[in-house]
């Protein structure tokens, strides 16, 4: 993510493109990810998570929060011009993981 935003003239557009166009091919059919344009930004909503499904099959859901914490690696590299929020996660018992991006 750091390299993507650093090499782009418009980091927000680069993140939007990756999220919208590349996410499905990058994660595959074990994920159900929806993309939605919203005022001032976009939302990527994970309704089925392959990582969570794997952990559930192996009776290891207690590790799900750890997998979610791993997202901080790329979230922390977003430039200050991109506002980010993840108000819900499947690991916390919500219906989806909601990744919200807005221009700062």
C-alpha atoms as a PDB file:
ATOM      1  CA  UNK A   1       0.000   0.000   0.000  1.00  0.00           C
ATOM      2  CA  UNK A   2       2.834   2.383   0.868  1.00  0.00           C
ATOM      3  CA  UNK A   3       4.354   1.945  -2.580  1.00  0.00           C
ATOM      4  CA  UNK A   4       0.972   2.237  -4.316  1.00  0.00           C
ATOM      5  CA  UNK A   5       0.167   5.606  -2.769  1.00  0.00           C
ATOM      6  CA  UNK A   6       3.730   6.952  -3.085  1.00  0.00           C
ATOM      7  CA  UNK A   7       3.925   6.229  -6.814  1.00  0.00           C
ATOM      8  CA  UNK A   8       0.524   7.695  -7.610  1.00  0.00           C
ATOM      9  CA  UNK A   9      -0.356  11.262  -8.541  1.00  0.00           C
ATOM     10  CA  UNK A  10      -3.678  10.724  -6.786  1.00  0.00           C
ATOM     11  CA  UNK A  11      -3.248   8.296  -3.868  1.00  0.00           C
ATOM     12  CA  UNK A  12      -6.988   8.188  -3.174  1.00  0.00           C
ATOM     13  CA  UNK A  13      -7.739   7.170  -6.777  1.00  0.00           C
ATOM     14  CA  UNK A  14      -5.028   4.500  -6.585  1.00  0.00           C
ATOM     15  CA  UNK A  15      -6.506   3.009  -3.408  1.00  0.00           C
ATOM     16  CA  UNK A  16      -9.996   3.121  -4.939  1.00  0.00           C
ATOM     17  CA  UNK A  17      -8.778   1.357  -8.108  1.00  0.00           C
ATOM     18  CA  UNK A  18      -6.972  -1.360  -6.164  1.00  0.00           C
ATOM     19  CA  UNK A  19      -9.938  -1.887  -3.857  1.00  0.00           C
ATOM     20  CA  UNK A  20     -12.524  -1.979  -6.623  1.00  0.00           C
ATOM     21  CA  UNK A  21     -10.668  -3.758  -9.429  1.00  0.00           C
ATOM     22  CA  UNK A  22      -8.017  -5.896  -7.774  1.00  0.00           C
ATOM     23  CA  UNK A  23      -9.566  -7.058  -4.513  1.00  0.00           C
ATOM     24  CA  UNK A  24     -11.743  -9.783  -6.037  1.00  0.00           C
ATOM     25  CA  UNK A  25      -8.923 -11.329  -8.037  1.00  0.00           C
ATOM     26  CA  UNK A  26      -6.493 -10.956  -5.134  1.00  0.00           C
ATOM     27  CA  UNK A  27      -8.722 -12.677  -2.564  1.00  0.00           C
ATOM     28  CA  UNK A  28     -10.723 -15.113  -4.672  1.00  0.00           C
ATOM     29  CA  UNK A  29     -14.038 -16.891  -4.131  1.00  0.00           C
ATOM     30  CA  UNK A  30     -13.571 -17.550  -0.405  1.00  0.00           C
ATOM     31  CA  UNK A  31     -14.374 -13.864   0.124  1.00  0.00           C
ATOM     32  CA  UNK A  32     -17.557 -11.945  -0.625  1.00  0.00           C
ATOM     33  CA  UNK A  33     -16.508  -8.316  -0.985  1.00  0.00           C
ATOM     34  CA  UNK A  34     -18.875  -5.550  -2.065  1.00  0.00           C
ATOM     35  CA  UNK A  35     -17.800  -2.134  -3.289  1.00  0.00           C
ATOM     36  CA  UNK A  36     -19.938   0.992  -2.968  1.00  0.00           C
ATOM     37  CA  UNK A  37     -19.335   4.627  -3.879  1.00  0.00           C
ATOM     38  CA  UNK A  38     -20.445   7.011  -1.120  1.00  0.00           C
ATOM     39  CA  UNK A  39     -20.343  10.780  -0.812  1.00  0.00           C
ATOM     40  CA  UNK A  40     -16.706  11.816  -0.621  1.00  0.00           C
ATOM     41  CA  UNK A  41     -15.345   8.299  -0.912  1.00  0.00           C
ATOM     42  CA  UNK A  42     -16.084   4.610  -1.107  1.00  0.00           C
ATOM     43  CA  UNK A  43     -16.747   1.562   1.051  1.00  0.00           C
ATOM     44  CA  UNK A  44     -15.388  -1.951   0.705  1.00  0.00           C
ATOM     45  CA  UNK A  45     -17.539  -4.360   2.680  1.00  0.00           C
ATOM     46  CA  UNK A  46     -16.381  -7.906   3.402  1.00  0.00           C
ATOM     47  CA  UNK A  47     -19.449 -10.044   3.983  1.00  0.00           C
ATOM     48  CA  UNK A  48     -17.646 -13.388   3.910  1.00  0.00           C
ATOM     49  CA  UNK A  49     -14.009 -13.646   4.937  1.00  0.00           C
ATOM     50  CA  UNK A  50     -11.905 -16.599   3.829  1.00  0.00           C
ATOM     51  CA  UNK A  51      -9.600 -16.159   6.803  1.00  0.00           C
ATOM     52  CA  UNK A  52     -12.531 -16.331   9.218  1.00  0.00           C
ATOM     53  CA  UNK A  53     -13.982 -19.357   7.421  1.00  0.00           C
ATOM     54  CA  UNK A  54     -10.636 -21.137   7.711  1.00  0.00           C
ATOM     55  CA  UNK A  55     -10.355 -20.329  11.417  1.00  0.00           C
ATOM     56  CA  UNK A  56     -13.929 -21.468  12.009  1.00  0.00           C
ATOM     57  CA  UNK A  57     -13.302 -24.810  10.256  1.00  0.00           C
ATOM     58  CA  UNK A  58     -10.313 -25.357  12.537  1.00  0.00           C
ATOM     59  CA  UNK A  59     -12.077 -24.240  15.729  1.00  0.00           C
ATOM     60  CA  UNK A  60      -9.717 -21.297  16.124  1.00  0.00           C
ATOM     61  CA  UNK A  61     -11.953 -18.216  15.942  1.00  0.00           C
ATOM     62  CA  UNK A  62     -10.098 -16.727  18.906  1.00  0.00           C
ATOM     63  CA  UNK A  63      -7.361 -15.874  16.369  1.00  0.00           C
ATOM     64  CA  UNK A  64      -9.709 -13.800  14.210  1.00  0.00           C
ATOM     65  CA  UNK A  65      -8.940 -10.516  16.010  1.00  0.00           C
ATOM     66  CA  UNK A  66      -5.247 -11.159  15.349  1.00  0.00           C
ATOM     67  CA  UNK A  67      -5.909 -11.509  11.615  1.00  0.00           C
ATOM     68  CA  UNK A  68      -7.891  -8.247  11.692  1.00  0.00           C
ATOM     69  CA  UNK A  69      -5.061  -6.508  13.547  1.00  0.00           C
ATOM     70  CA  UNK A  70      -2.762  -7.473  10.680  1.00  0.00           C
ATOM     71  CA  UNK A  71      -4.651  -4.939   8.530  1.00  0.00           C
ATOM     72  CA  UNK A  72      -2.936  -2.196  10.546  1.00  0.00           C
ATOM     73  CA  UNK A  73       0.191  -2.899   8.483  1.00  0.00           C
ATOM     74  CA  UNK A  74      -1.383  -1.287   5.409  1.00  0.00           C
ATOM     75  CA  UNK A  75      -3.903   0.980   7.160  1.00  0.00           C
ATOM     76  CA  UNK A  76      -1.099   2.741   9.019  1.00  0.00           C
ATOM     77  CA  UNK A  77       0.626   3.451   5.689  1.00  0.00           C
ATOM     78  CA  UNK A  78      -2.273   5.392   4.207  1.00  0.00           C
ATOM     79  CA  UNK A  79      -1.398   9.059   3.707  1.00  0.00           C
ATOM     80  CA  UNK A  80      -3.102  11.690   5.845  1.00  0.00           C
ATOM     81  CA  UNK A  81      -5.082  12.778   2.770  1.00  0.00           C
ATOM     82  CA  UNK A  82      -7.072   9.533   2.996  1.00  0.00           C
ATOM     83  CA  UNK A  83      -9.440   9.230   5.928  1.00  0.00           C
ATOM     84  CA  UNK A  84     -10.096   5.636   6.940  1.00  0.00           C
ATOM     85  CA  UNK A  85     -12.491   3.939   9.334  1.00  0.00           C
ATOM     86  CA  UNK A  86     -13.412   0.315   9.982  1.00  0.00           C
ATOM     87  CA  UNK A  87     -16.434   0.575  12.279  1.00  0.00           C
ATOM     88  CA  UNK A  88     -17.441  -3.088  12.077  1.00  0.00           C
ATOM     89  CA  UNK A  89     -15.681  -6.434  11.740  1.00  0.00           C
ATOM     90  CA  UNK A  90     -16.847 -10.005  11.504  1.00  0.00           C
ATOM     91  CA  UNK A  91     -14.405 -10.840  14.304  1.00  0.00           C
ATOM     92  CA  UNK A  92     -16.375  -8.578  16.651  1.00  0.00           C
ATOM     93  CA  UNK A  93     -19.634 -10.306  15.782  1.00  0.00           C
ATOM     94  CA  UNK A  94     -20.841  -7.805  13.184  1.00  0.00           C
ATOM     95  CA  UNK A  95     -22.446  -8.778   9.870  1.00  0.00           C
ATOM     96  CA  UNK A  96     -19.438  -7.538   7.868  1.00  0.00           C
ATOM     97  CA  UNK A  97     -16.059  -5.864   7.917  1.00  0.00           C
ATOM     98  CA  UNK A  98     -16.661  -2.356   6.646  1.00  0.00           C
ATOM     99  CA  UNK A  99     -13.662  -0.491   5.240  1.00  0.00           C
ATOM    100  CA  UNK A 100     -14.598   3.183   4.728  1.00  0.00           C
ATOM    101  CA  UNK A 101     -12.342   5.522   2.740  1.00  0.00           C
ATOM    102  CA  UNK A 102     -12.855   9.252   2.253  1.00  0.00           C
ATOM    103  CA  UNK A 103     -10.759  12.061   0.862  1.00  0.00           C
ATOM    104  CA  UNK A 104      -9.254  14.135   3.663  1.00  0.00           C
END
